[in-house]
Structure formats: C-alpha cells, structure tokens
Protein backbone atom coordinates (compact mmCIF):
# COMPACT_ATOMS: atom_id res chain seq x y z
CA MET A 1 -16.95 22.77 -12.77
CA THR A 2 -18.01 23.29 -9.02
CA VAL A 3 -19.30 19.33 -9.46
CA LYS A 4 -15.88 18.38 -10.82
CA LEU A 5 -14.09 19.82 -8.28
CA ALA A 6 -15.94 18.40 -5.57
CA CYS A 7 -16.00 15.10 -7.31
CA SER A 8 -12.00 14.90 -7.71
CA ASP A 9 -11.81 16.02 -3.98
CA PHE A 10 -14.37 13.13 -2.89
CA VAL A 11 -12.00 10.80 -5.15
CA HIS A 12 -8.77 12.47 -3.23
CA SER A 13 -10.43 11.57 0.14
CA PHE A 14 -11.36 8.07 -0.81
CA LEU A 15 -7.88 7.61 -2.17
CA ILE A 16 -6.33 8.61 1.10
CA PHE A 17 -8.77 6.37 2.99
CA THR A 18 -8.06 3.41 0.98
CA PHE A 19 -4.47 3.69 1.63
CA ASP A 20 -4.96 4.39 5.49
CA VAL A 21 -6.95 1.14 5.59
CA MET A 22 -4.49 -0.77 3.17
CA GLY A 23 -1.73 0.40 5.68
CA SER A 24 -3.40 -0.81 9.11
CA TYR A 25 -4.46 -3.66 7.38
CA GLU A 26 -0.69 -4.62 6.41
CA MET A 27 0.32 -3.50 9.77
CA LEU A 28 -1.79 -6.19 11.20
CA LEU A 29 -0.27 -8.99 8.72
CA ILE A 30 3.04 -8.07 9.82
CA SER A 31 2.25 -8.22 13.62
CA HIS A 32 0.39 -11.51 13.13
CA TYR A 33 3.36 -13.13 11.39
CA LYS A 34 5.84 -11.79 13.80
CA ARG A 35 4.40 -13.47 16.59
C-alpha cells in the first residue's frame, strides 16, 4: 500500500510537471507568433 501511494504521488507530480512544461511551451509559441 505504501508503494502504491508513493507511485500515485510520483504520477501526480509527473503530471503537474508535464502540464507546467506544456504551458511554458505554449506561452513560448504564443509569444513567438505574436511578434
């Protein structure tokens, strides 16, 4: 159960990190096309 909890916590952190990177990449694209 502890391993499963740690795994889900890792997946949660990974998802947050992925969305953060995607958001930054999207902002870069938007700022690039607005020029």
